N, C-alpha and C. Protein backbone atom coordinates (compact mmCIF):
# COMPACT_ATOMS: atom_id res chain seq x y z
N MET A 1 16.07 3.66 -49.08
CA MET A 1 15.92 2.91 -50.36
C MET A 1 15.11 3.67 -51.35
N THR A 2 15.47 3.81 -52.51
CA THR A 2 14.87 4.60 -53.53
C THR A 2 13.74 3.63 -54.22
N ALA A 3 12.87 4.32 -54.97
CA ALA A 3 11.88 3.49 -55.74
C ALA A 3 12.50 2.60 -56.69
N ILE A 4 13.68 2.98 -57.23
CA ILE A 4 14.28 1.99 -58.29
C ILE A 4 14.81 0.91 -57.56
N ASP A 5 15.43 1.14 -56.34
CA ASP A 5 15.99 0.03 -55.60
C ASP A 5 14.84 -1.04 -55.21
N ALA A 6 13.73 -0.46 -54.78
CA ALA A 6 12.60 -1.44 -54.39
C ALA A 6 12.14 -2.29 -55.61
N ALA A 7 12.36 -1.73 -56.89
CA ALA A 7 11.90 -2.42 -57.99
C ALA A 7 12.70 -3.51 -58.34
N THR A 8 14.13 -3.30 -58.04
CA THR A 8 15.15 -4.22 -58.44
C THR A 8 15.06 -5.59 -57.67
N PRO A 9 15.73 -6.58 -58.14
CA PRO A 9 15.84 -7.77 -57.31
C PRO A 9 16.64 -7.65 -55.98
N LEU A 10 17.64 -6.67 -56.00
CA LEU A 10 18.34 -6.38 -54.86
C LEU A 10 17.37 -5.78 -53.85
N GLY A 11 16.48 -5.00 -54.22
CA GLY A 11 15.50 -4.19 -53.27
C GLY A 11 14.55 -5.20 -52.70
N ARG A 12 14.22 -6.23 -53.66
CA ARG A 12 13.19 -7.25 -53.17
C ARG A 12 13.89 -8.05 -52.04
N HIS A 13 15.29 -8.33 -52.35
CA HIS A 13 16.07 -9.18 -51.44
C HIS A 13 16.15 -8.63 -50.08
N ARG A 14 16.29 -7.30 -50.04
CA ARG A 14 16.38 -6.55 -48.85
C ARG A 14 15.07 -6.56 -48.05
N ARG A 15 14.01 -6.37 -48.69
CA ARG A 15 12.66 -6.50 -48.09
C ARG A 15 12.37 -7.85 -47.55
N THR A 16 12.86 -8.89 -48.29
CA THR A 16 12.59 -10.20 -47.82
C THR A 16 13.41 -10.51 -46.56
N ALA A 17 14.69 -10.03 -46.52
CA ALA A 17 15.57 -10.36 -45.38
C ALA A 17 14.99 -9.61 -44.17
N ALA A 18 14.58 -8.37 -44.35
CA ALA A 18 13.90 -7.61 -43.23
C ALA A 18 12.58 -8.34 -42.68
N ALA A 19 11.92 -8.81 -43.58
CA ALA A 19 10.58 -9.42 -43.08
C ALA A 19 10.97 -10.74 -42.30
N LEU A 20 11.98 -11.53 -42.85
CA LEU A 20 12.44 -12.67 -42.19
C LEU A 20 13.02 -12.42 -40.81
N ALA A 21 13.75 -11.19 -40.66
CA ALA A 21 14.32 -10.87 -39.35
C ALA A 21 13.16 -10.56 -38.45
N LEU A 22 12.13 -9.87 -38.91
CA LEU A 22 10.99 -9.52 -37.99
C LEU A 22 10.30 -10.88 -37.47
N LEU A 23 10.03 -11.88 -38.47
CA LEU A 23 9.40 -13.05 -38.16
C LEU A 23 10.25 -13.90 -36.99
N ALA A 24 11.55 -13.91 -37.40
CA ALA A 24 12.44 -14.59 -36.33
C ALA A 24 12.49 -13.98 -34.99
N GLY A 25 12.47 -12.68 -34.87
CA GLY A 25 12.34 -11.94 -33.67
C GLY A 25 11.12 -12.19 -32.94
N GLY A 26 9.87 -12.16 -33.72
CA GLY A 26 8.77 -12.58 -33.08
C GLY A 26 8.62 -14.05 -32.70
N ALA A 27 9.08 -14.88 -33.35
CA ALA A 27 9.27 -16.30 -32.86
C ALA A 27 10.01 -16.52 -31.63
N PHE A 28 11.17 -15.72 -31.66
CA PHE A 28 11.99 -15.85 -30.48
C PHE A 28 11.15 -15.29 -29.24
N ALA A 29 10.49 -14.33 -29.37
CA ALA A 29 9.75 -13.59 -28.28
C ALA A 29 8.68 -14.66 -27.60
N LEU A 30 8.04 -15.27 -28.77
CA LEU A 30 7.00 -16.21 -28.19
C LEU A 30 7.53 -17.46 -27.77
N THR A 31 8.70 -17.89 -28.16
CA THR A 31 9.45 -18.90 -27.43
C THR A 31 9.78 -18.74 -26.08
N ALA A 32 10.35 -17.56 -25.89
CA ALA A 32 10.79 -17.07 -24.58
C ALA A 32 9.67 -16.97 -23.60
N CYS A 33 8.52 -16.49 -24.19
CA CYS A 33 7.29 -16.38 -23.31
C CYS A 33 6.84 -17.81 -22.98
N GLY A 34 6.76 -18.68 -23.87
CA GLY A 34 6.23 -19.92 -23.57
C GLY A 34 7.21 -20.61 -22.60
N ALA A 35 8.55 -20.47 -22.80
CA ALA A 35 9.48 -21.17 -21.92
C ALA A 35 9.09 -20.67 -20.45
N GLY A 36 8.96 -19.40 -20.38
CA GLY A 36 8.66 -18.98 -19.03
C GLY A 36 7.38 -19.63 -18.35
N GLN A 37 6.35 -19.70 -19.22
CA GLN A 37 5.29 -20.40 -18.74
C GLN A 37 5.37 -21.78 -18.29
N ILE A 38 6.15 -22.50 -19.14
CA ILE A 38 6.45 -23.86 -18.79
C ILE A 38 7.27 -23.87 -17.48
N SER A 39 8.18 -23.16 -17.35
CA SER A 39 9.16 -23.19 -16.27
C SER A 39 8.25 -22.82 -14.90
N GLN A 40 7.46 -21.88 -15.12
CA GLN A 40 6.54 -21.37 -13.92
C GLN A 40 5.64 -22.43 -13.56
N THR A 41 5.01 -23.20 -14.55
CA THR A 41 4.08 -24.33 -14.21
C THR A 41 4.87 -25.46 -13.61
N ALA A 42 6.08 -25.77 -13.99
CA ALA A 42 6.92 -26.88 -13.42
C ALA A 42 7.10 -26.70 -11.94
N THR A 43 7.23 -25.31 -11.41
CA THR A 43 7.60 -25.13 -10.15
C THR A 43 6.35 -25.09 -9.26
N GLN A 44 5.17 -25.26 -9.76
CA GLN A 44 3.95 -25.11 -9.07
C GLN A 44 3.76 -26.45 -8.55
N VAL A 45 3.04 -26.33 -7.23
CA VAL A 45 2.83 -27.76 -6.58
C VAL A 45 1.29 -27.81 -6.45
N ALA A 46 0.82 -29.12 -6.20
CA ALA A 46 -0.66 -29.34 -6.03
C ALA A 46 -1.09 -28.67 -4.70
N ALA A 47 -2.46 -28.40 -4.69
CA ALA A 47 -2.88 -27.82 -3.44
C ALA A 47 -3.02 -28.86 -2.25
N VAL A 48 -3.00 -30.25 -2.73
CA VAL A 48 -3.09 -31.23 -1.64
C VAL A 48 -1.57 -31.31 -0.84
N ASN A 49 -1.77 -31.95 0.23
CA ASN A 49 -0.52 -32.08 0.99
C ASN A 49 0.32 -33.42 0.77
N GLY A 50 -0.51 -34.38 0.18
CA GLY A 50 0.10 -35.68 0.21
C GLY A 50 0.72 -36.09 -1.14
N ASN A 51 1.10 -37.39 -1.17
CA ASN A 51 1.69 -37.96 -2.47
C ASN A 51 0.71 -38.74 -3.23
N SER A 52 0.90 -39.10 -4.55
CA SER A 52 0.08 -39.83 -5.27
C SER A 52 0.64 -41.21 -5.86
N ALA A 53 -0.07 -42.15 -6.26
CA ALA A 53 0.52 -43.35 -6.98
C ALA A 53 -0.67 -44.00 -7.69
N ASP A 54 -0.38 -44.68 -8.61
CA ASP A 54 -1.26 -45.57 -9.44
C ASP A 54 -0.79 -46.96 -9.59
N VAL A 55 -1.81 -47.88 -9.26
CA VAL A 55 -1.48 -49.24 -9.47
C VAL A 55 -2.83 -49.99 -9.91
N GLY A 56 -2.51 -50.52 -11.07
CA GLY A 56 -3.81 -51.17 -11.78
C GLY A 56 -4.91 -50.15 -12.11
N ASP A 57 -6.11 -50.35 -11.55
CA ASP A 57 -7.10 -49.40 -11.83
C ASP A 57 -7.35 -48.57 -10.64
N ILE A 58 -6.46 -48.68 -9.65
CA ILE A 58 -6.61 -47.93 -8.46
C ILE A 58 -5.66 -46.71 -8.66
N GLN A 59 -6.33 -45.54 -8.13
CA GLN A 59 -5.59 -44.23 -8.12
C GLN A 59 -5.52 -43.79 -6.61
N LEU A 60 -4.31 -43.81 -6.02
CA LEU A 60 -4.13 -43.23 -4.75
C LEU A 60 -3.81 -41.82 -4.85
N ARG A 61 -4.51 -40.93 -3.92
CA ARG A 61 -4.33 -39.49 -3.98
C ARG A 61 -4.20 -38.91 -2.65
N ASN A 62 -3.50 -37.84 -2.54
CA ASN A 62 -3.33 -37.12 -1.30
C ASN A 62 -2.95 -38.02 -0.04
N VAL A 63 -1.99 -39.01 -0.22
CA VAL A 63 -1.63 -39.83 0.89
C VAL A 63 -0.53 -39.21 1.76
N HIS A 64 -1.00 -39.03 3.01
CA HIS A 64 -0.24 -38.37 3.87
C HIS A 64 -0.45 -38.58 5.46
N VAL A 65 0.60 -38.40 6.23
CA VAL A 65 0.27 -38.62 7.69
C VAL A 65 -0.33 -37.28 8.21
N VAL A 66 -1.60 -37.48 8.84
CA VAL A 66 -2.32 -36.32 9.38
C VAL A 66 -1.55 -35.83 10.65
N TYR A 67 -1.33 -34.46 10.54
CA TYR A 67 -0.64 -33.99 11.70
C TYR A 67 -1.71 -34.03 12.93
N PRO A 68 -1.25 -34.40 14.15
CA PRO A 68 -2.32 -34.50 15.23
C PRO A 68 -3.00 -33.08 15.58
N THR A 69 -4.27 -33.31 15.87
CA THR A 69 -5.03 -32.16 16.27
C THR A 69 -5.81 -32.33 17.61
N SER A 70 -5.57 -33.57 18.23
CA SER A 70 -6.26 -33.92 19.29
C SER A 70 -5.25 -34.72 20.42
N GLU A 71 -5.78 -34.97 21.59
CA GLU A 71 -4.79 -35.51 22.62
C GLU A 71 -4.64 -37.09 22.32
N GLU A 72 -5.58 -37.59 21.66
CA GLU A 72 -5.32 -38.99 21.47
C GLU A 72 -4.22 -39.36 20.40
N TYR A 73 -3.89 -38.35 19.76
CA TYR A 73 -2.78 -38.69 18.71
C TYR A 73 -1.50 -37.83 19.09
N SER A 74 -0.25 -38.32 18.70
CA SER A 74 0.94 -37.72 19.00
C SER A 74 1.97 -37.93 18.03
N ILE A 75 2.76 -36.94 17.61
CA ILE A 75 3.79 -37.19 16.63
C ILE A 75 5.13 -37.61 17.05
N THR A 76 5.20 -37.77 18.51
CA THR A 76 6.39 -38.09 19.13
C THR A 76 6.73 -39.72 18.97
N SER A 77 7.81 -40.02 19.24
CA SER A 77 8.18 -41.44 18.97
C SER A 77 7.34 -42.35 19.87
N GLY A 78 6.83 -43.33 19.20
CA GLY A 78 6.05 -44.26 20.04
C GLY A 78 4.47 -43.93 20.06
N GLY A 79 4.27 -42.76 19.45
CA GLY A 79 2.78 -42.25 19.46
C GLY A 79 2.01 -42.67 18.35
N THR A 80 0.77 -42.34 18.29
CA THR A 80 -0.15 -42.75 17.20
C THR A 80 -0.70 -41.70 16.42
N VAL A 81 -0.72 -41.82 15.16
CA VAL A 81 -1.33 -40.72 14.15
C VAL A 81 -2.21 -41.36 13.14
N GLU A 82 -2.91 -40.53 12.44
CA GLU A 82 -3.91 -41.04 11.50
C GLU A 82 -3.17 -40.96 10.05
N LEU A 83 -3.56 -41.91 9.20
CA LEU A 83 -3.25 -41.85 7.74
C LEU A 83 -4.34 -41.42 6.88
N GLY A 84 -4.02 -40.38 6.08
CA GLY A 84 -5.09 -39.88 5.26
C GLY A 84 -4.86 -40.25 3.74
N PHE A 85 -5.81 -40.49 3.02
CA PHE A 85 -5.53 -40.77 1.56
C PHE A 85 -6.91 -41.07 0.92
N THR A 86 -7.01 -41.16 -0.47
CA THR A 86 -8.24 -41.41 -1.25
C THR A 86 -7.78 -42.42 -2.28
N ALA A 87 -8.46 -43.53 -2.32
CA ALA A 87 -8.28 -44.61 -3.19
C ALA A 87 -9.36 -44.58 -4.19
N ILE A 88 -9.13 -44.31 -5.56
CA ILE A 88 -10.18 -44.24 -6.46
C ILE A 88 -10.17 -45.50 -7.35
N ASN A 89 -11.30 -46.31 -7.48
CA ASN A 89 -11.26 -47.45 -8.55
C ASN A 89 -11.79 -46.80 -9.94
N SER A 90 -10.94 -46.66 -10.81
CA SER A 90 -11.39 -46.15 -12.12
C SER A 90 -11.98 -47.12 -13.09
N ASN A 91 -12.09 -48.50 -12.64
CA ASN A 91 -12.52 -49.45 -13.54
C ASN A 91 -14.04 -49.30 -13.55
N THR A 92 -14.61 -49.43 -14.73
CA THR A 92 -16.06 -49.20 -14.92
C THR A 92 -17.05 -50.47 -14.51
N SER A 93 -16.36 -51.66 -14.35
CA SER A 93 -17.20 -52.76 -14.19
C SER A 93 -16.85 -53.65 -13.08
N VAL A 94 -15.48 -53.71 -12.64
CA VAL A 94 -14.99 -54.59 -11.70
C VAL A 94 -14.55 -53.85 -10.28
N ALA A 95 -14.96 -54.42 -9.26
CA ALA A 95 -14.86 -53.86 -7.96
C ALA A 95 -13.30 -54.35 -7.55
N ASP A 96 -12.65 -53.75 -6.58
CA ASP A 96 -11.41 -54.14 -5.97
C ASP A 96 -11.61 -53.98 -4.41
N GLU A 97 -10.65 -54.30 -3.74
CA GLU A 97 -10.60 -54.16 -2.23
C GLU A 97 -9.31 -53.91 -1.65
N LEU A 98 -9.22 -53.03 -0.62
CA LEU A 98 -8.05 -52.66 0.12
C LEU A 98 -7.84 -53.82 1.09
N THR A 99 -6.69 -54.65 0.95
CA THR A 99 -6.68 -55.69 1.83
C THR A 99 -5.68 -55.49 2.82
N GLY A 100 -4.86 -54.41 2.65
CA GLY A 100 -3.84 -54.20 3.79
C GLY A 100 -3.03 -52.89 3.51
N ILE A 101 -2.45 -52.46 4.67
CA ILE A 101 -1.73 -51.30 4.74
C ILE A 101 -0.47 -51.51 5.67
N SER A 102 0.74 -51.36 5.26
CA SER A 102 1.85 -51.60 6.21
C SER A 102 2.84 -50.58 6.16
N SER A 103 3.83 -50.45 6.98
CA SER A 103 4.90 -49.55 7.01
C SER A 103 5.98 -50.07 7.96
N PRO A 104 7.19 -50.00 7.60
CA PRO A 104 8.39 -50.38 8.56
C PRO A 104 8.49 -49.36 9.69
N GLU A 105 7.95 -48.17 9.51
CA GLU A 105 8.09 -47.06 10.49
C GLU A 105 6.79 -47.07 11.53
N ALA A 106 5.87 -47.90 11.34
CA ALA A 106 4.70 -47.82 12.20
C ALA A 106 3.75 -49.10 12.23
N ARG A 107 2.94 -49.45 13.09
CA ARG A 107 2.03 -50.47 13.03
C ARG A 107 0.68 -49.92 12.62
N VAL A 108 0.29 -50.25 11.14
CA VAL A 108 -0.79 -49.69 10.62
C VAL A 108 -1.97 -50.60 10.85
N THR A 109 -3.07 -49.91 11.29
CA THR A 109 -4.35 -50.68 11.48
C THR A 109 -5.61 -49.83 11.07
N ILE A 110 -6.43 -50.67 10.25
CA ILE A 110 -7.62 -50.04 9.71
C ILE A 110 -8.73 -50.21 10.93
N VAL A 111 -8.85 -49.04 11.61
CA VAL A 111 -9.69 -49.00 12.81
C VAL A 111 -11.23 -49.27 12.53
N ASP A 112 -11.62 -48.42 11.49
CA ASP A 112 -13.06 -48.38 11.17
C ASP A 112 -13.15 -48.60 9.67
N GLU A 113 -13.87 -49.80 9.21
CA GLU A 113 -14.01 -50.15 7.89
C GLU A 113 -15.31 -49.41 7.37
N ALA A 114 -15.39 -49.54 6.07
CA ALA A 114 -16.52 -48.82 5.30
C ALA A 114 -17.85 -49.23 5.95
N GLU A 115 -18.85 -48.67 5.56
CA GLU A 115 -20.18 -48.95 5.98
C GLU A 115 -20.76 -50.29 5.67
N ALA A 116 -20.21 -50.88 4.59
CA ALA A 116 -20.66 -52.17 4.05
C ALA A 116 -19.95 -53.28 4.92
N GLY A 117 -18.89 -53.01 5.76
CA GLY A 117 -18.28 -53.95 6.53
C GLY A 117 -16.91 -54.49 5.98
N SER A 118 -16.61 -54.04 4.76
CA SER A 118 -15.46 -54.32 4.21
C SER A 118 -14.82 -53.03 3.41
N ASN A 119 -13.66 -53.28 2.98
CA ASN A 119 -12.91 -52.14 2.41
C ASN A 119 -12.97 -52.31 0.85
N GLU A 120 -14.08 -52.86 0.37
CA GLU A 120 -14.26 -53.10 -1.04
C GLU A 120 -14.59 -51.77 -1.68
N ILE A 121 -14.05 -51.45 -2.84
CA ILE A 121 -14.17 -50.22 -3.74
C ILE A 121 -14.91 -50.70 -4.95
N ALA A 122 -16.16 -50.31 -4.98
CA ALA A 122 -17.06 -50.66 -6.16
C ALA A 122 -16.48 -49.82 -7.46
N PRO A 123 -16.92 -50.20 -8.59
CA PRO A 123 -16.55 -49.46 -9.83
C PRO A 123 -17.05 -48.11 -9.77
N LEU A 124 -15.88 -47.18 -10.18
CA LEU A 124 -16.21 -45.73 -10.16
C LEU A 124 -16.59 -45.21 -8.87
N THR A 125 -15.97 -45.66 -7.75
CA THR A 125 -16.28 -45.20 -6.42
C THR A 125 -14.96 -44.92 -5.74
N ALA A 126 -14.87 -44.49 -4.64
CA ALA A 126 -13.66 -44.23 -3.86
C ALA A 126 -13.69 -44.59 -2.43
N LEU A 127 -12.53 -44.83 -1.76
CA LEU A 127 -12.50 -45.17 -0.45
C LEU A 127 -11.51 -44.13 0.06
N GLY A 128 -11.91 -43.50 1.21
CA GLY A 128 -11.17 -42.44 1.78
C GLY A 128 -10.85 -42.53 3.27
N ALA A 129 -9.71 -41.97 3.71
CA ALA A 129 -9.35 -41.92 5.12
C ALA A 129 -8.84 -40.65 5.52
N GLY A 130 -9.23 -40.14 6.76
CA GLY A 130 -8.69 -38.82 7.12
C GLY A 130 -9.85 -37.92 7.33
N SER A 131 -9.54 -36.63 7.56
CA SER A 131 -10.51 -35.56 7.73
C SER A 131 -11.22 -35.22 6.46
N PRO A 132 -12.56 -34.59 6.53
CA PRO A 132 -13.15 -34.21 5.39
C PRO A 132 -12.38 -33.45 4.24
N ALA A 133 -11.46 -32.72 4.80
CA ALA A 133 -10.52 -31.92 3.78
C ALA A 133 -9.56 -32.79 3.04
N ASP A 134 -9.29 -34.01 3.72
CA ASP A 134 -8.39 -34.87 3.13
C ASP A 134 -8.92 -35.72 1.89
N VAL A 135 -10.23 -35.87 1.90
CA VAL A 135 -10.78 -36.74 0.98
C VAL A 135 -11.52 -36.13 -0.15
N GLN A 136 -11.36 -34.86 -0.23
CA GLN A 136 -12.08 -34.10 -1.20
C GLN A 136 -11.69 -34.67 -2.57
N LEU A 137 -12.76 -34.80 -3.45
CA LEU A 137 -12.55 -35.34 -4.77
C LEU A 137 -12.74 -34.20 -5.85
N ASP A 138 -11.92 -34.40 -7.06
CA ASP A 138 -12.07 -33.53 -8.20
C ASP A 138 -13.62 -33.44 -8.76
N ASP A 139 -14.16 -34.76 -8.64
CA ASP A 139 -15.42 -34.99 -9.02
C ASP A 139 -16.28 -35.04 -7.77
N PRO A 140 -17.14 -34.05 -7.44
CA PRO A 140 -17.97 -34.31 -6.13
C PRO A 140 -19.00 -35.28 -6.15
N LEU A 141 -19.35 -35.67 -7.32
CA LEU A 141 -20.49 -36.59 -7.60
C LEU A 141 -20.04 -38.10 -7.42
N LEU A 142 -18.67 -38.29 -7.38
CA LEU A 142 -18.15 -39.63 -7.29
C LEU A 142 -18.47 -40.07 -5.88
N PRO A 143 -19.06 -41.30 -5.71
CA PRO A 143 -19.37 -41.88 -4.35
C PRO A 143 -18.13 -42.22 -3.69
N ILE A 144 -18.16 -42.00 -2.38
CA ILE A 144 -16.89 -42.26 -1.47
C ILE A 144 -17.27 -42.77 -0.23
N GLN A 145 -16.70 -43.82 0.26
CA GLN A 145 -16.87 -44.48 1.53
C GLN A 145 -15.64 -44.04 2.45
N LEU A 146 -15.94 -43.81 3.75
CA LEU A 146 -14.81 -43.33 4.60
C LEU A 146 -14.38 -44.53 5.56
N ILE A 147 -13.22 -44.53 5.84
CA ILE A 147 -12.66 -45.41 6.81
C ILE A 147 -11.84 -44.71 7.58
N LYS A 148 -11.29 -45.31 8.80
CA LYS A 148 -10.25 -44.53 9.54
C LYS A 148 -8.98 -45.61 9.82
N VAL A 149 -7.89 -45.02 9.63
CA VAL A 149 -6.59 -45.65 9.52
C VAL A 149 -5.63 -45.11 10.48
N GLU A 150 -5.12 -45.88 11.57
CA GLU A 150 -4.14 -45.27 12.54
C GLU A 150 -2.81 -46.02 12.22
N MET A 151 -1.58 -45.26 12.51
CA MET A 151 -0.41 -45.74 12.57
C MET A 151 0.10 -45.53 13.96
N ALA A 152 0.27 -46.73 14.72
CA ALA A 152 0.74 -46.69 16.10
C ALA A 152 2.14 -47.01 16.16
N ASP A 153 2.72 -46.84 17.43
CA ASP A 153 4.07 -47.02 17.70
C ASP A 153 5.02 -46.49 16.67
N ILE A 154 4.78 -45.23 16.26
CA ILE A 154 5.61 -44.63 15.11
C ILE A 154 6.95 -44.41 15.58
N SER A 155 7.91 -44.64 14.50
CA SER A 155 9.36 -44.49 14.88
C SER A 155 9.74 -42.98 14.85
N GLU A 156 11.03 -42.53 15.26
CA GLU A 156 11.48 -41.35 15.25
C GLU A 156 11.73 -40.72 13.92
N ASN A 157 11.47 -41.52 12.90
CA ASN A 157 11.58 -41.03 11.45
C ASN A 157 10.32 -40.50 10.97
N VAL A 158 9.27 -40.71 11.86
CA VAL A 158 7.88 -40.11 11.39
C VAL A 158 7.98 -38.57 11.94
N ARG A 159 8.34 -37.58 11.23
CA ARG A 159 8.50 -36.23 11.59
C ARG A 159 8.03 -35.37 10.64
N PRO A 160 7.53 -34.18 10.84
CA PRO A 160 6.93 -33.13 9.84
C PRO A 160 8.15 -32.78 8.86
N GLY A 161 7.85 -32.90 7.67
CA GLY A 161 8.80 -32.54 6.51
C GLY A 161 9.51 -33.74 6.02
N LEU A 162 9.39 -34.96 6.69
CA LEU A 162 10.13 -36.13 6.16
C LEU A 162 8.90 -37.03 5.55
N THR A 163 9.46 -38.06 4.92
CA THR A 163 8.61 -39.06 4.17
C THR A 163 8.94 -40.53 4.74
N LEU A 164 7.83 -41.26 4.71
CA LEU A 164 8.02 -42.67 5.18
C LEU A 164 7.41 -43.59 4.10
N PRO A 165 7.94 -44.82 3.94
CA PRO A 165 7.36 -45.78 2.96
C PRO A 165 6.07 -46.46 3.57
N VAL A 166 5.00 -46.37 2.74
CA VAL A 166 3.77 -47.24 3.18
C VAL A 166 3.39 -48.01 1.98
N THR A 167 3.17 -49.24 2.31
CA THR A 167 2.67 -50.24 1.30
C THR A 167 1.06 -50.31 1.26
N PHE A 168 0.55 -50.24 0.15
CA PHE A 168 -0.92 -50.46 0.01
C PHE A 168 -1.10 -51.74 -0.72
N GLU A 169 -1.99 -52.51 -0.27
CA GLU A 169 -2.39 -53.82 -1.00
C GLU A 169 -3.78 -53.98 -1.41
N PHE A 170 -4.13 -54.27 -2.65
CA PHE A 170 -5.28 -54.43 -3.20
C PHE A 170 -5.54 -55.77 -3.77
N ALA A 171 -6.72 -56.38 -3.62
CA ALA A 171 -7.05 -57.78 -4.15
C ALA A 171 -6.70 -57.85 -5.60
N ASN A 172 -7.17 -56.99 -6.43
CA ASN A 172 -6.88 -57.12 -7.85
C ASN A 172 -5.72 -56.16 -8.51
N ALA A 173 -5.55 -54.98 -7.91
CA ALA A 173 -4.52 -54.15 -8.41
C ALA A 173 -3.19 -54.45 -8.04
N GLY A 174 -3.06 -55.24 -6.85
CA GLY A 174 -1.86 -55.53 -6.32
C GLY A 174 -1.26 -54.60 -5.26
N GLU A 175 -0.03 -54.53 -5.06
CA GLU A 175 0.46 -53.60 -4.16
C GLU A 175 1.36 -52.43 -4.64
N VAL A 176 1.46 -51.48 -3.97
CA VAL A 176 2.30 -50.29 -4.39
C VAL A 176 2.83 -49.64 -3.11
N VAL A 177 4.08 -49.07 -3.14
CA VAL A 177 4.76 -48.53 -2.09
C VAL A 177 4.71 -46.99 -2.40
N VAL A 178 4.20 -46.26 -1.29
CA VAL A 178 4.09 -44.77 -1.53
C VAL A 178 4.97 -44.09 -0.55
N ASN A 179 5.91 -43.29 -0.96
CA ASN A 179 6.65 -42.27 -0.04
C ASN A 179 5.76 -41.24 0.52
N VAL A 180 5.21 -41.51 1.83
CA VAL A 180 4.14 -40.65 2.42
C VAL A 180 4.78 -39.49 3.14
N PRO A 181 4.46 -38.26 2.92
CA PRO A 181 4.93 -37.07 3.67
C PRO A 181 4.17 -36.88 4.93
N VAL A 182 4.91 -36.33 5.95
CA VAL A 182 4.22 -36.04 7.23
C VAL A 182 3.72 -34.54 7.31
N ASP A 183 2.56 -34.32 7.62
CA ASP A 183 2.01 -32.90 7.60
C ASP A 183 2.84 -32.16 8.69
N ALA A 184 3.16 -30.85 8.27
CA ALA A 184 3.90 -29.95 9.20
C ALA A 184 2.88 -29.27 10.23
N GLY A 185 1.56 -29.57 10.11
CA GLY A 185 0.75 -28.72 10.98
C GLY A 185 0.30 -27.37 10.63
N ILE A 186 -0.39 -26.72 11.20
CA ILE A 186 -0.86 -25.36 10.93
C ILE A 186 0.31 -24.45 11.32
N GLU A 187 0.99 -24.64 12.46
CA GLU A 187 2.05 -23.71 13.03
C GLU A 187 3.03 -24.54 13.41
N LEU A 188 4.33 -24.06 13.06
CA LEU A 188 5.62 -24.81 13.56
C LEU A 188 6.20 -24.07 14.67
N GLU A 189 6.73 -24.83 15.67
CA GLU A 189 7.36 -24.10 16.79
C GLU A 189 8.52 -23.31 16.37
N ARG A 190 8.78 -22.22 17.04
CA ARG A 190 9.93 -21.31 16.73
C ARG A 190 10.95 -21.40 17.97
N ASP A 191 12.03 -21.26 17.61
CA ASP A 191 13.21 -21.26 18.66
C ASP A 191 13.34 -19.74 19.05
N PRO A 192 13.06 -19.24 20.22
CA PRO A 192 13.11 -17.95 20.64
C PRO A 192 14.61 -17.25 20.49
N SER A 193 15.59 -18.18 20.74
CA SER A 193 16.95 -17.75 20.88
C SER A 193 17.32 -17.47 19.49
N ALA A 194 16.87 -18.27 18.36
CA ALA A 194 17.30 -18.03 17.18
C ALA A 194 16.70 -16.70 16.57
N VAL A 195 15.52 -16.43 17.05
CA VAL A 195 14.91 -15.07 16.46
C VAL A 195 15.71 -14.06 17.19
N THR A 196 16.26 -14.00 18.48
CA THR A 196 16.99 -12.99 19.13
C THR A 196 18.28 -12.90 18.46
N GLU A 197 18.89 -13.91 18.04
CA GLU A 197 20.22 -13.93 17.33
C GLU A 197 20.08 -13.22 16.10
N HIS A 198 19.06 -13.54 15.31
CA HIS A 198 18.99 -12.89 14.09
C HIS A 198 18.64 -11.38 14.23
N SER A 199 17.77 -11.01 15.14
CA SER A 199 17.57 -9.52 15.36
C SER A 199 18.88 -8.73 15.71
N GLU A 200 19.73 -9.42 16.57
CA GLU A 200 21.02 -8.73 16.98
C GLU A 200 21.94 -8.60 15.90
N GLY A 201 21.94 -9.51 14.99
CA GLY A 201 22.83 -9.37 13.79
C GLY A 201 22.49 -8.38 12.69
N GLU A 202 21.28 -7.88 12.80
CA GLU A 202 20.90 -6.97 11.81
C GLU A 202 21.46 -5.57 12.02
């Protein structure tokens, strides 16, 4: 483009069009980058094993069936397992209480209650069940009381990788049904024959 062209309206039009094209290209690149980030974030999962639910001022977090790590518990049909969860009372002035837990796939019992002798959840505190790793809070300064909850006579549907409905009942917040996943454990058993067949097919 000559100096004369640049000074004419046609030249200015060409420069404007080029600038708009560059801006559009930059916007498209940023949009593509942003879309990639959103897509990547959508596929990420939380570090905890369990499910979550909110009912009233109660926030249930990391609700899951704990995979047995001792002889007193068994994942086989008719066995007994522990239930892990954290129930946080986000109300700043009113306490609530866990009044019951039930499931059609097992007989749920609160074996050990909180130190106060009840399952009351004071304002801005939490009630937790399971191992210490199960009840870790985002806010380590939030007071938490621990209880022990067992699920006995479990059905054949309580298996690693599956979920089962568990109903939590609270005095003030009401009840909520949570689809609770069953932990897969640290290691899953492998079928030696399947490994052999795979090796021979290579």
